[in-house]
Structure formats: structure tokens, C-alpha cells
Amino acid sequence: MGSPLKSLVHDDDRYQRSFHLFLERSSEHQCMRDFIHSKLPDILSSIGDGKSHLNVIGVGSGAGEIDLEMLNELRKKRPGVTVDNEVVEPSSQQLHNYKVLVSQKPELNYIKFTWNKMTASEFEERWKLSETTKKADFIHMIQMLYYVKDPGATISFFQSLLDKNGKLLIILVSGESGWGKLWRKYRHELCNTEISQCVTTGDIKSLLDSKGVSYHSFDLPSQMDITECFTEGDEKGELLLDFLTEVLDFNKTASPELKDGVLELLRHPDCSMESEGRVIFNNNLGVIVIDKPN
């Protein structure tokens, strides 16, 4: 039976506001940047060897800040290449923000951006219909597999697009994060059954292991200040609770039992630690890197 609670993804304006607050309150983007500058260069070193042109696909690219950091590292590894960058993003607001960001950076003139305002599954459908033989050297899917029906099938499709030495990079929350604990306990109450909202890197690794797909993985320690969630009526706390539960107006629409249970778990040492009067949620991420299938 589907949950009567409404998913936050159905209200893009509130989703974007809660997401931006989450980025303010967490070290999410910082831990990704640390990974991009320290580990990604080695991952990219085998990509596009000897080519003068590279094809990149960003799936769920958001406003593009992280995409551009990765493209910058790729540029350092392959200084002379031109890049065809397919951006796949269903939110028109995020796509607009990405375009504005690009317009402010004339040094990106070696990249041809193709803007695809669509979901990953719509992109897959269109790609198959076009019968193109184009292959990709680098595909990244950052924090987006929650929004597809079948993560395994989505990964298989994008892996099939990789060219020789191509890499598929996936970032999701870790199974050992507070998110993983929250979802294990409240999956049936909170998770939207139409999508795979509660998926973690632990789930993806199990899936890849079962298919015999080899991969490399990395842990990205991250945290998030959720103190305001415990102040009744705090507007920012309510936005953060919406983001944590992925439920629209969780505070107003969840049953008192569910609300109490979720708040208790969020504060529990399994999910958070208390430091100097603040409640700090475990927002650890995981990275999975997959090669072209043999």
C-alpha cells in the first residue's frame, strides 16, 4: 500500500528551498569537492587516452557547481581536448541556474553544452529511439538514483554507453549514514513507492555484487546540523525535516506517532551526535566507480 504522505518531489519550489538549506547546513558539497580534487584525477587518468574530443553525460546535474569542478579536473588531465557535455536535469530552475553559471565562465568555451530538461528515464528512452552509436567517456550520477524506478536497470543502461576506458561515477548516501538508519526503520512509512527513494551505496554494492559487476568504492565523511528540527514551529527546522524524510510538510501531515518516532531516531546516536548543544546528523556519502562492461 502506498504511503498517504505526499512526496516532497511533487513541490519543486519547496524541494529547492529545503535542498539549499540542506547544502547550507551540511558539508555535502565540501566532501564532494575534497573527493574531486584528491581522488577523481586518478580515476580520470585513463579516460579518453589519445582522443581530441570527449563525451561526458551528467545525470541529475542540478545547478552544475559540482559538474564544473569535475570538468575542470578532466581539463587538467586532458588539456587540449574539446568536450561534448550532455546535461540531464528535470528541474527547470536548476537548469536555469546551471546555464547562468556557465554564462559567467567564458573559459568553458572548449565545452559544448547540450541541455536536456528531462528525467534519466526520459533521456534513456530518447537515446534508444535515436539509435545513436555515440559513446561516453565519463558519466556521473550524483545523488540521483533515489529518483528512478529501477536503479539497477538505470546503471546498466548508462554503463552500456561507456566507451573504451570510460568511467561511470555514482554518489549516494552511505548505508551506514543516518539516512540509511532512518530508511531501514521507516522505509514503509516514508518512502515513495514509485521511485527508489531509500537507496544507499550499500544497496547498489549488493546489486552489483549479485550481477558480478566489478567496481571501486570510496567513503566520503559528511555531516549536517539538524538542531532546528527539534524546535517546534521553526520554519527552517520544518524545511530540513521535509528534506530528511522527503515528505512534503512532514511536520503538519505525519501522524504524531510517526513524527515522534522519526525525531527520536534522528537524535539517536545511531544517526547523530550531540556537540556543543547542536545535533549533528551523519550525512556520510559513498562513491562507486564502474568501468565499461567487458
Protein backbone atom coordinates (compact mmCIF):
# COMPACT_ATOMS: atom_id res chain seq x y z
CA MET A 1 0.00 0.00 0.00
CA GLY A 2 1.34 3.44 -0.93
CA SER A 3 2.02 5.95 1.80
CA PRO A 4 -0.69 8.64 2.21
CA LEU A 5 2.06 11.20 2.83
CA LYS A 6 2.90 13.37 -0.17
CA SER A 7 6.43 13.19 -1.56
CA LEU A 8 8.49 16.39 -1.44
CA VAL A 9 9.45 15.89 -5.10
CA HIS A 10 5.91 16.93 -6.08
CA ASP A 11 6.55 20.53 -4.96
CA ASP A 12 9.66 21.72 -6.78
CA ASP A 13 9.74 25.15 -5.13
CA ARG A 14 9.70 23.69 -1.60
CA TYR A 15 12.12 20.95 -2.66
CA GLN A 16 14.63 23.53 -3.94
CA ARG A 17 14.31 25.63 -0.76
CA SER A 18 14.81 22.62 1.50
CA PHE A 19 17.71 21.40 -0.67
CA HIS A 20 19.51 24.76 -0.49
CA LEU A 21 19.05 24.84 3.28
CA PHE A 22 20.44 21.29 3.43
CA LEU A 23 23.54 22.43 1.49
CA GLU A 24 23.97 25.36 3.91
CA ARG A 25 23.68 23.11 6.95
CA SER A 26 25.79 20.22 5.67
CA SER A 27 29.34 19.55 4.48
CA GLU A 28 27.92 17.68 1.46
CA HIS A 29 29.44 19.78 -1.32
CA GLN A 30 32.70 20.24 0.57
CA CYS A 31 33.24 16.49 0.94
CA MET A 32 32.46 16.04 -2.78
CA ARG A 33 34.97 18.76 -3.66
CA ASP A 34 37.61 17.10 -1.49
CA PHE A 35 37.00 13.84 -3.38
CA ILE A 36 37.05 15.60 -6.78
CA HIS A 37 40.41 17.24 -6.07
CA SER A 38 42.10 14.32 -4.31
CA LYS A 39 40.75 11.06 -5.81
CA LEU A 40 38.98 11.91 -9.07
CA PRO A 41 42.16 12.84 -11.01
CA ASP A 42 43.43 9.25 -10.71
CA ILE A 43 40.03 7.88 -11.79
CA LEU A 44 40.04 10.17 -14.82
CA SER A 45 43.63 9.39 -15.82
CA SER A 46 42.69 6.52 -18.17
CA ILE A 47 39.76 8.31 -19.79
CA GLY A 48 39.94 9.25 -23.45
CA ASP A 49 43.55 8.30 -23.92
CA GLY A 50 44.76 9.72 -27.23
CA LYS A 51 41.40 11.36 -28.08
CA SER A 52 41.00 15.01 -29.02
CA HIS A 53 37.27 15.02 -28.17
CA LEU A 54 35.48 13.60 -25.10
CA ASN A 55 31.80 12.91 -24.44
CA VAL A 56 30.51 13.49 -20.92
CA ILE A 57 27.00 12.91 -19.55
CA GLY A 58 25.83 14.41 -16.26
CA VAL A 59 22.67 12.75 -14.98
CA GLY A 60 20.81 14.83 -12.39
CA SER A 61 23.31 17.67 -12.66
CA GLY A 62 21.40 20.17 -10.54
CA ALA A 63 22.80 23.70 -10.74
CA GLY A 64 26.12 22.50 -12.14
CA GLU A 65 28.63 23.55 -9.45
CA ILE A 66 29.90 20.01 -8.89
CA ASP A 67 29.77 19.19 -12.63
CA LEU A 68 32.05 22.11 -13.44
CA GLU A 69 34.55 21.10 -10.75
CA MET A 70 34.75 17.62 -12.32
CA LEU A 71 35.06 19.03 -15.83
CA ASN A 72 37.89 21.24 -14.58
CA GLU A 73 39.77 18.17 -13.29
CA LEU A 74 39.16 16.44 -16.63
CA ARG A 75 40.58 19.50 -18.40
CA LYS A 76 43.75 19.29 -16.26
CA LYS A 77 44.19 15.63 -17.25
CA ARG A 78 43.44 16.23 -20.94
CA PRO A 79 44.41 19.88 -21.58
CA GLY A 80 43.88 20.01 -25.33
CA VAL A 81 40.53 18.23 -25.70
CA THR A 82 37.12 19.56 -26.60
CA VAL A 83 34.16 18.22 -24.63
CA ASP A 84 30.56 17.48 -25.53
CA ASN A 85 28.65 17.69 -22.23
CA GLU A 86 25.09 16.34 -22.09
CA VAL A 87 23.30 17.76 -19.04
CA VAL A 88 20.26 15.78 -17.88
CA GLU A 89 18.19 17.62 -15.25
CA PRO A 90 14.39 17.66 -14.82
CA SER A 91 14.17 20.87 -12.75
CA SER A 92 13.85 23.97 -14.94
CA GLN A 93 15.04 26.15 -12.03
CA GLN A 94 18.22 24.11 -11.55
CA LEU A 95 18.85 24.01 -15.30
CA HIS A 96 18.45 27.80 -15.44
CA ASN A 97 20.94 28.20 -12.56
CA TYR A 98 23.42 25.94 -14.38
CA LYS A 99 23.12 27.99 -17.60
CA VAL A 100 23.71 31.22 -15.65
CA LEU A 101 26.80 29.70 -14.05
CA VAL A 102 28.18 28.67 -17.46
CA SER A 103 27.45 32.11 -18.95
CA GLN A 104 29.73 33.64 -16.31
CA LYS A 105 32.68 31.43 -17.30
CA PRO A 106 33.96 32.22 -20.80
CA GLU A 107 36.92 29.87 -20.18
CA LEU A 108 34.48 26.96 -20.69
CA ASN A 109 34.36 27.63 -24.45
CA TYR A 110 36.00 24.23 -25.09
CA ILE A 111 32.77 22.57 -23.84
CA LYS A 112 29.61 22.26 -25.92
CA PHE A 113 26.67 22.03 -23.52
CA THR A 114 23.51 20.20 -24.54
CA TRP A 115 20.65 20.92 -22.13
CA ASN A 116 18.16 18.10 -21.59
CA LYS A 117 15.28 19.14 -19.33
CA MET A 118 14.16 15.61 -18.53
CA THR A 119 14.49 12.71 -16.15
CA ALA A 120 17.06 9.93 -16.52
CA SER A 121 14.39 7.53 -17.81
CA GLU A 122 13.15 10.07 -20.40
CA PHE A 123 16.75 10.55 -21.54
CA GLU A 124 17.20 6.77 -21.80
CA GLU A 125 14.02 6.46 -23.87
CA ARG A 126 15.07 9.27 -26.21
CA TRP A 127 18.59 7.87 -26.57
CA LYS A 128 17.25 4.44 -27.57
CA LEU A 129 14.80 5.93 -30.06
CA SER A 130 17.58 7.96 -31.71
CA GLU A 131 19.55 4.73 -32.34
CA THR A 132 22.75 6.73 -31.93
CA THR A 133 26.04 4.86 -31.71
CA LYS A 134 27.65 7.67 -29.73
CA LYS A 135 29.56 6.53 -26.62
CA ALA A 136 30.51 8.40 -23.45
CA ASP A 137 33.94 8.68 -21.83
CA PHE A 138 32.67 9.84 -18.47
CA ILE A 139 29.17 9.62 -16.96
CA HIS A 140 28.33 10.84 -13.48
CA MET A 141 25.16 10.32 -11.45
CA ILE A 142 25.40 12.30 -8.25
CA GLN A 143 22.66 11.95 -5.64
CA MET A 144 20.05 11.00 -8.27
CA LEU A 145 19.39 7.24 -8.15
CA TYR A 146 16.74 7.88 -5.49
CA TYR A 147 14.50 9.27 -8.23
CA VAL A 148 14.39 6.32 -10.65
CA LYS A 149 12.12 3.28 -10.56
CA ASP A 150 14.84 0.68 -11.05
CA PRO A 151 18.39 1.77 -10.09
CA GLY A 152 19.92 -1.49 -11.39
CA ALA A 153 18.42 -1.04 -14.85
CA THR A 154 19.42 2.65 -14.91
CA ILE A 155 23.02 1.78 -14.02
CA SER A 156 23.11 -0.98 -16.68
CA PHE A 157 21.82 1.38 -19.36
CA PHE A 158 24.36 4.14 -18.63
CA GLN A 159 27.17 1.61 -18.23
CA SER A 160 26.31 0.33 -21.72
CA LEU A 161 27.01 3.84 -23.09
CA LEU A 162 30.63 3.85 -21.89
CA ASP A 163 33.40 3.89 -24.45
CA LYS A 164 36.67 2.03 -24.02
CA ASN A 165 38.29 3.14 -20.72
CA GLY A 166 35.08 5.04 -19.88
CA LYS A 167 34.00 5.52 -16.24
CA LEU A 168 30.59 5.72 -14.59
CA LEU A 169 30.68 7.57 -11.26
CA ILE A 170 27.83 7.23 -8.74
CA ILE A 171 27.48 9.16 -5.48
CA LEU A 172 24.76 8.30 -2.95
CA VAL A 173 24.34 8.36 0.81
CA SER A 174 26.17 5.58 2.59
CA GLY A 175 24.24 2.64 4.04
CA GLU A 176 25.99 3.44 7.32
CA SER A 177 24.82 7.07 7.37
CA GLY A 178 21.93 8.44 9.39
CA TRP A 179 19.88 8.29 6.19
CA GLY A 180 20.49 4.55 5.93
CA LYS A 181 19.35 4.03 9.53
CA LEU A 182 16.28 6.24 9.07
CA TRP A 183 15.23 4.44 5.90
CA ARG A 184 15.76 0.97 7.32
CA LYS A 185 13.39 1.76 10.18
CA TYR A 186 10.77 3.86 8.36
CA ARG A 187 11.02 2.70 4.74
CA HIS A 188 7.33 1.78 4.51
CA GLU A 189 6.05 4.96 6.10
CA LEU A 190 8.33 7.47 4.37
CA CYS A 191 9.48 6.10 1.05
CA ASN A 192 7.73 6.90 -2.18
CA THR A 193 6.97 3.54 -3.77
CA GLU A 194 7.02 4.91 -7.35
CA ILE A 195 10.75 5.63 -7.10
CA SER A 196 13.70 4.07 -5.25
CA GLN A 197 13.90 6.85 -2.74
CA CYS A 198 15.57 4.88 0.04
CA VAL A 199 18.54 3.50 -1.90
CA THR A 200 22.07 3.70 -0.44
CA THR A 201 25.54 2.76 -1.70
CA GLY A 202 25.15 -0.43 0.37
CA ASP A 203 22.16 -1.44 -1.78
CA ILE A 204 23.98 -0.62 -5.01
CA LYS A 205 27.07 -2.61 -3.99
CA SER A 206 24.87 -5.65 -3.18
CA LEU A 207 23.17 -5.27 -6.55
CA LEU A 208 26.48 -5.04 -8.45
CA ASP A 209 27.93 -7.97 -6.47
CA SER A 210 24.92 -10.11 -7.39
CA LYS A 211 25.47 -9.31 -11.09
CA GLY A 212 29.24 -9.88 -10.88
CA VAL A 213 29.95 -6.26 -11.85
CA SER A 214 33.30 -5.04 -10.51
CA TYR A 215 33.62 -1.55 -9.07
CA HIS A 216 35.77 0.67 -6.87
CA SER A 217 34.28 2.42 -3.86
CA PHE A 218 35.23 5.33 -1.62
CA ASP A 219 33.73 6.75 1.59
CA LEU A 220 33.08 10.48 1.97
CA PRO A 221 32.60 11.58 5.59
CA SER A 222 29.99 14.32 5.84
CA GLN A 223 27.72 15.81 8.46
CA MET A 224 24.70 18.08 8.77
CA ASP A 225 23.44 20.33 11.56
CA ILE A 226 19.79 19.40 12.21
CA THR A 227 19.36 21.18 15.56
CA GLU A 228 16.44 23.32 14.31
CA CYS A 229 14.38 20.19 13.56
CA PHE A 230 13.77 19.81 17.30
CA THR A 231 12.29 23.28 17.82
CA GLU A 232 8.51 23.08 17.30
CA GLY A 233 7.32 25.59 14.71
CA ASP A 234 10.82 26.54 13.49
CA GLU A 235 10.45 27.22 9.77
CA LYS A 236 13.96 26.10 8.86
CA GLY A 237 13.59 23.03 11.06
CA GLU A 238 10.43 22.11 9.17
CA LEU A 239 12.18 22.53 5.81
CA LEU A 240 15.06 20.31 6.99
CA LEU A 241 12.58 17.70 8.26
CA ASP A 242 10.92 17.71 4.83
CA PHE A 243 14.30 17.13 3.23
CA LEU A 244 15.29 14.37 5.67
CA THR A 245 12.01 12.49 5.27
CA GLU A 246 11.39 13.56 1.62
CA VAL A 247 7.81 14.22 2.75
CA LEU A 248 6.01 17.46 1.85
CA ASP A 249 5.04 19.30 5.07
CA PHE A 250 6.07 16.34 7.22
CA ASN A 251 5.53 18.27 10.43
CA LYS A 252 1.90 19.04 9.53
CA THR A 253 0.90 15.82 7.77
CA ALA A 254 2.66 12.97 9.60
CA SER A 255 0.84 11.20 12.45
CA PRO A 256 2.03 12.19 15.96
CA GLU A 257 3.45 8.65 16.39
CA LEU A 258 5.47 8.81 13.17
CA LYS A 259 6.69 12.32 13.92
CA ASP A 260 7.79 11.39 17.44
CA GLY A 261 9.45 8.20 16.20
CA VAL A 262 11.37 9.97 13.43
CA LEU A 263 12.54 12.81 15.72
CA GLU A 264 13.64 10.29 18.35
CA LEU A 265 15.62 8.29 15.79
CA LEU A 266 17.18 11.43 14.26
CA ARG A 267 18.51 12.32 17.70
CA HIS A 268 19.64 8.75 18.49
CA PRO A 269 23.42 8.03 18.48
CA ASP A 270 22.81 5.68 15.51
CA CYS A 271 22.00 8.76 13.39
CA SER A 272 23.52 11.79 15.08
CA MET A 273 25.91 13.04 17.71
CA GLU A 274 25.43 16.00 20.03
CA SER A 275 28.20 18.57 20.16
CA GLU A 276 28.16 21.92 21.98
CA GLY A 277 24.37 21.86 22.13
CA ARG A 278 23.99 21.12 18.40
CA VAL A 279 22.61 17.91 16.89
CA ILE A 280 24.93 16.76 14.10
CA PHE A 281 23.47 14.19 11.69
CA ASN A 282 25.66 11.57 9.98
CA ASN A 283 25.44 12.56 6.30
CA ASN A 284 28.21 10.22 5.08
CA LEU A 285 28.27 9.55 1.34
CA GLY A 286 29.73 6.79 -0.77
CA VAL A 287 31.23 6.85 -4.25
CA ILE A 288 31.06 3.90 -6.65
CA VAL A 289 33.09 3.86 -9.88
CA ILE A 290 32.20 1.36 -12.61
CA ASP A 291 34.11 0.65 -15.83
CA LYS A 292 32.84 -0.19 -19.29
CA PRO A 293 31.36 -3.73 -19.26
CA ASN A 294 33.67 -6.39 -20.70
